[in-house]
Protein backbone atom coordinates (compact mmCIF):
# COMPACT_ATOMS: atom_id res chain seq x y z
CA MET A 1 142.16 91.14 99.76
CA ILE A 2 138.53 91.68 100.65
CA LEU A 3 136.46 89.17 102.55
CA HIS A 4 133.06 88.55 100.94
CA HIS A 5 130.20 86.82 102.74
CA GLY A 6 127.61 85.75 100.18
CA THR A 7 125.27 82.93 99.30
CA SER A 8 125.55 80.20 96.72
CA LYS A 9 123.54 77.22 95.57
CA VAL A 10 125.07 73.93 96.65
CA THR A 11 124.41 70.75 94.69
CA SER A 12 123.69 67.60 96.64
CA ASN A 13 123.77 63.86 96.00
CA GLU A 14 125.02 62.04 92.92
CA LEU A 15 122.29 63.42 90.60
CA ASN A 16 123.55 67.00 91.04
CA LEU A 17 120.14 68.20 92.17
CA PRO A 18 120.31 71.74 93.54
CA ASP A 19 119.86 72.13 97.25
CA LEU A 20 116.86 74.43 97.73
CA SER A 21 118.42 76.16 100.71
CA LEU A 22 121.16 78.69 100.10
CA LYS A 23 124.38 77.91 101.95
CA ARG A 24 126.47 80.70 103.40
CA THR A 25 129.92 80.87 101.86
CA SER A 26 132.96 82.98 102.41
CA THR A 27 135.34 83.86 99.56
CA ARG A 28 138.25 86.22 99.15
CA LEU A 29 138.78 88.44 96.13
CA ALA A 30 142.45 88.09 95.35
CA THR A 31 143.00 90.84 92.81
CA THR A 32 141.83 94.36 92.19
CA SER A 33 140.69 93.37 88.68
CA ASP A 34 138.09 91.06 90.28
CA LEU A 35 136.93 94.00 92.38
CA ASN A 36 136.75 96.25 89.30
CA ILE A 37 134.64 93.65 87.46
CA THR A 38 132.30 93.51 90.44
CA LYS A 39 131.98 97.31 90.43
CA LEU A 40 131.30 97.27 86.67
CA ILE A 41 128.52 94.69 87.07
CA ASP A 42 126.98 96.68 89.93
CA THR A 43 127.07 99.85 87.81
CA GLN A 44 125.38 98.06 84.89
CA ARG A 45 122.66 96.68 87.20
CA GLU A 46 122.04 100.18 88.60
CA LYS A 47 121.57 101.53 85.06
CA LEU A 48 119.14 98.72 84.22
CA GLN A 49 117.25 99.28 87.46
CA LYS A 50 116.86 103.00 86.69
CA GLN A 51 115.66 102.16 83.18
CA PHE A 52 113.26 99.25 83.91
CA GLY A 53 112.68 99.44 87.66
CA SER A 54 113.32 96.64 90.12
CA SER A 55 110.34 94.63 88.84
CA GLY A 56 111.60 94.82 85.25
CA LEU A 57 115.06 93.81 86.43
CA VAL A 58 113.53 90.63 87.88
CA VAL A 59 112.19 89.74 84.42
CA LEU A 60 115.55 90.40 82.78
CA ASP A 61 117.25 88.15 85.33
CA LEU A 62 114.73 85.33 84.81
CA VAL A 63 114.88 85.56 81.02
CA LYS A 64 118.58 84.69 81.01
CA ASN A 65 117.63 81.01 81.39
CA VAL A 66 114.97 81.07 78.64
CA PRO A 67 115.95 80.18 75.04
CA VAL A 68 115.93 83.10 72.60
CA GLY A 69 112.80 83.11 70.43
CA SER A 70 110.54 81.85 73.22
CA SER A 71 107.16 83.42 73.90
CA ILE A 72 106.86 85.05 77.32
CA PHE A 73 103.82 86.39 79.18
CA ILE A 74 104.45 89.11 81.76
CA ASP A 75 102.01 90.29 84.40
CA ASN A 76 101.26 94.00 84.81
CA TYR A 77 103.36 94.26 87.98
CA PHE A 78 106.52 93.57 85.98
CA ALA A 79 105.69 94.85 82.48
CA SER A 80 106.32 98.17 80.77
CA THR A 81 106.69 99.29 77.17
CA LYS A 82 110.42 99.85 77.77
CA LEU A 83 110.73 96.22 78.86
CA ILE A 84 108.86 95.02 75.75
CA LYS A 85 111.32 96.93 73.56
CA LYS A 86 114.34 95.54 75.45
CA LEU A 87 113.08 91.95 75.22
CA THR A 88 112.40 92.51 71.51
CA GLN A 89 116.05 93.53 71.06
CA LEU A 90 117.09 90.37 72.92
CA GLY A 91 114.98 88.21 70.58
CA TYR A 92 112.02 87.22 72.79
CA ARG A 93 108.33 87.26 71.88
CA VAL A 94 106.43 89.10 74.60
CA THR A 95 102.77 89.53 75.51
CA CYS A 96 101.81 91.36 78.68
CA THR A 97 99.20 93.25 80.62
CA LEU A 98 100.23 96.83 81.38
CA ARG A 99 99.57 99.48 83.97
CA SER A 100 98.55 102.90 82.71
CA ASN A 101 101.62 104.61 84.22
CA ARG A 102 104.02 102.30 82.32
CA THR A 103 102.96 103.02 78.76
CA GLU A 104 105.72 105.58 78.08
CA LYS A 105 103.64 108.53 76.81
CA CYS A 106 101.33 106.37 74.69
CA PRO A 107 98.23 108.49 73.90
CA ILE A 108 95.63 105.99 75.12
CA SER A 109 92.36 107.36 76.50
CA THR A 110 91.94 107.48 80.25
CA GLU A 111 89.81 105.09 82.27
CA LYS A 112 87.15 107.81 82.61
CA ASP A 113 86.89 108.05 78.83
CA PHE A 114 86.59 104.28 78.58
CA GLU A 115 83.73 104.19 81.10
CA GLN A 116 81.58 106.05 78.56
CA LYS A 117 82.37 103.61 75.73
CA LYS A 118 80.49 100.42 74.93
CA ARG A 119 81.83 97.03 75.91
CA GLY A 120 84.14 95.75 73.17
CA TYR A 121 85.52 99.20 72.26
CA TYR A 122 89.29 99.27 71.71
CA GLU A 123 92.16 101.58 70.81
CA PHE A 124 95.62 100.53 69.69
CA PHE A 125 98.92 102.26 69.08
CA THR A 126 102.12 100.91 67.57
CA SER A 127 105.67 102.04 68.20
CA ASP A 128 107.44 104.21 65.61
CA ASP A 129 109.50 101.25 64.41
CA GLN A 130 106.37 99.01 64.25
CA THR A 131 107.86 96.44 66.65
CA CYS A 132 105.36 96.61 69.50
CA ILE A 133 101.70 97.38 69.99
CA VAL A 134 99.74 98.68 72.99
CA VAL A 135 96.01 97.95 73.03
CA ALA A 136 93.33 99.31 75.36
CA TRP A 137 90.19 97.14 75.29
CA LYS A 138 87.01 97.63 77.26
CA ASP A 139 85.44 94.57 78.80
CA SER A 140 83.74 95.46 82.06
CA LYS A 141 86.75 97.73 82.71
CA ARG A 142 89.65 98.93 80.60
CA VAL A 143 92.37 96.37 79.98
CA LEU A 144 95.80 97.44 78.72
CA LEU A 145 97.75 94.87 76.72
CA GLY A 146 101.14 95.00 75.04
CA SER A 147 102.90 92.68 72.61
CA ASN A 148 105.68 92.48 70.08
CA HIS A 149 104.38 89.48 68.13
CA VAL A 150 100.55 89.37 68.38
CA GLY A 151 98.32 92.03 66.87
CA ILE A 152 94.62 92.83 66.93
CA GLU A 153 93.62 90.78 63.87
CA PRO A 154 91.67 88.51 63.51
CA LYS A 155 88.82 89.74 65.63
CA THR A 156 86.60 87.19 67.35
CA THR A 157 83.31 87.25 69.18
CA LEU A 158 83.02 86.40 72.87
CA LYS A 159 79.96 85.84 74.99
CA ARG A 160 79.89 88.00 78.11
CA TRP A 161 77.28 88.37 80.84
CA ASP A 162 75.39 91.67 80.77
CA LYS A 163 74.11 92.70 84.21
CA GLU A 164 71.46 95.07 82.86
CA LYS A 165 69.97 92.66 80.30
CA LYS A 166 70.63 89.63 82.53
CA LEU A 167 71.76 87.48 79.62
CA LYS A 168 74.91 86.73 77.64
CA VAL A 169 75.72 89.17 74.84
CA ASP A 170 78.24 89.00 72.01
CA ILE A 171 81.30 91.24 72.37
CA VAL A 172 84.01 91.90 69.77
CA SER A 173 87.39 90.70 71.01
CA LEU A 174 90.87 91.08 69.58
CA LYS A 175 93.41 88.34 68.96
CA LEU A 176 95.72 89.91 71.50
C-alpha cells in the first residue's frame, strides 16, 4: 500500500455547493492495478504535454466540462494549430489568436514583410484536409487568427483611425 497525500474538492451544506478551498486528504492505494492506472494516466498526460505544451494541456483539461459542438475562443497564450486540430477531432468549434511560433510550419509572411503592406492586407492558409484555417491580417500590426469553423468570407468594411491623415478610413476586414 502507498500513502497518497492529495487535494480534493469538498462539497458543503445541503445544496451541494463546492467549497472553494481545497481540503487536504489522505488515501491509500490498495492494489497494484490502481497504481498501474495512475502510471498510465501520468504517461498519457506527459505525451499530451509534449504535443501541446502545458498551456495547451490546460485547454484540454477545461474543455472536458464543455458540451461537444460548442464554440470556444482561445487566447494566443494557449492556442496552437496542433490544438485546433485536436479540438476539431474532439468535435469543438474553435477560433483563436495565434503566436507566430505556434503555426506549425505555416508559410505566413513575417512581421517585417507585413510592415510594408497596407492596412487591411491579409494572407490565409488552410490545412491539407481543409479543416482549419490560419489567417494573417494587418491592422496597425499583424494579427494571426486560426479557426476550424469560420472563414474569411464575407468581407466587411471597418472604420479605423489613420494617424497620418488624422481621420477615420475604411479598411477591409474578414469575417474571422
